[in-house]
Amino acid sequence: MSLSQTEREQRDVSMFGVSSEELREMAETSSYRAGMDDKRGDAMLVMSMLSAAQEVMAYGDVETARQYINRAKYLISHYIMERE
């Protein structure tokens, strides 16, 4: 069964806290990319997201931490691993 566009967007927001389009835009306009090559910039963005997940976990916000971790996994699979 194929998901409608609205269902995909709702799933993405639940999974990432943002739509997949917003996540792609976030990666492609990241300030980390400005000062280094794309792969290193993407890796820095992933590390930043994982740090943010740690920070919100320290305050007990497990749901937001889960979304940050899912964003990091998305970026690893769609930006970093694709270049190898």
Protein backbone atom coordinates (compact mmCIF):
# COMPACT_ATOMS: atom_id res chain seq x y z
CA MET A 1 0.00 0.00 0.00
CA SER A 2 1.40 3.35 -1.03
CA LEU A 3 1.17 6.35 1.27
CA SER A 4 -0.36 9.59 0.05
CA GLN A 5 1.75 12.75 0.08
CA THR A 6 -0.05 13.96 3.22
CA GLU A 7 0.48 10.63 4.99
CA ARG A 8 4.20 10.66 4.10
CA GLU A 9 4.56 14.20 5.42
CA GLN A 10 2.77 13.28 8.66
CA ARG A 11 4.98 10.21 9.06
CA ASP A 12 8.12 12.30 8.42
CA VAL A 13 7.11 14.96 10.94
CA SER A 14 6.43 12.26 13.52
CA MET A 15 9.75 10.57 12.75
CA PHE A 16 12.02 13.62 12.28
CA GLY A 17 10.13 16.56 13.78
CA VAL A 18 10.25 18.16 10.30
CA SER A 19 9.26 17.07 6.79
CA SER A 20 11.84 15.18 4.73
CA GLU A 21 11.93 18.18 2.37
CA GLU A 22 12.84 20.47 5.29
CA LEU A 23 15.46 17.95 6.40
CA ARG A 24 17.05 17.87 2.91
CA GLU A 25 17.03 21.68 2.79
CA MET A 26 18.62 21.79 6.25
CA ALA A 27 21.42 19.51 5.06
CA GLU A 28 22.02 21.28 1.77
CA THR A 29 22.09 24.78 3.27
CA SER A 30 24.03 23.84 6.40
CA SER A 31 26.68 26.36 7.43
CA TYR A 32 28.96 23.37 8.09
CA ARG A 33 29.16 22.83 4.33
CA ALA A 34 30.30 26.40 3.69
CA GLY A 35 33.70 25.96 5.34
CA MET A 36 34.49 22.38 4.30
CA ASP A 37 33.74 19.78 1.65
CA ASP A 38 30.21 18.37 1.57
CA LYS A 39 31.03 15.03 3.21
CA ARG A 40 32.87 16.61 6.15
CA GLY A 41 30.17 19.26 6.49
CA ASP A 42 27.47 16.59 6.53
CA ALA A 43 29.41 14.63 9.17
CA MET A 44 29.65 17.76 11.33
CA LEU A 45 25.89 18.33 10.96
CA VAL A 46 25.23 14.73 12.05
CA MET A 47 27.49 15.15 15.08
CA SER A 48 25.70 18.39 15.94
CA MET A 49 22.32 16.62 15.80
CA LEU A 50 23.59 13.82 18.03
CA SER A 51 24.88 16.40 20.51
CA ALA A 52 21.48 18.07 20.47
CA ALA A 53 19.89 14.68 21.17
CA GLN A 54 22.17 14.23 24.18
CA GLU A 55 21.29 17.68 25.45
CA VAL A 56 17.53 17.21 25.29
CA MET A 57 17.83 13.73 26.84
CA ALA A 58 19.57 15.35 29.81
CA TYR A 59 16.35 17.31 30.33
CA GLY A 60 14.15 14.23 29.91
CA ASP A 61 12.81 15.06 26.42
CA VAL A 62 13.11 11.58 24.96
CA GLU A 63 10.74 12.26 22.03
CA THR A 64 12.79 15.17 20.70
CA ALA A 65 15.99 13.18 21.24
CA ARG A 66 14.50 10.34 19.16
CA GLN A 67 13.70 12.79 16.36
CA TYR A 68 17.25 14.22 16.39
CA ILE A 69 18.68 10.69 16.21
CA ASN A 70 16.35 9.85 13.30
CA ARG A 71 17.49 13.02 11.50
CA ALA A 72 21.11 11.99 11.97
CA LYS A 73 20.40 8.49 10.62
CA TYR A 74 18.60 9.98 7.61
CA LEU A 75 21.56 12.22 6.81
CA ILE A 76 24.05 9.39 7.20
CA SER A 77 22.08 7.16 4.83
CA HIS A 78 21.14 9.81 2.25
CA TYR A 79 24.21 12.05 2.20
CA ILE A 80 27.26 10.38 3.69
CA MET A 81 26.87 6.74 2.61
CA GLU A 82 25.73 7.72 -0.90
CA ARG A 83 29.11 9.37 -1.52
CA GLU A 84 31.15 6.29 -0.68
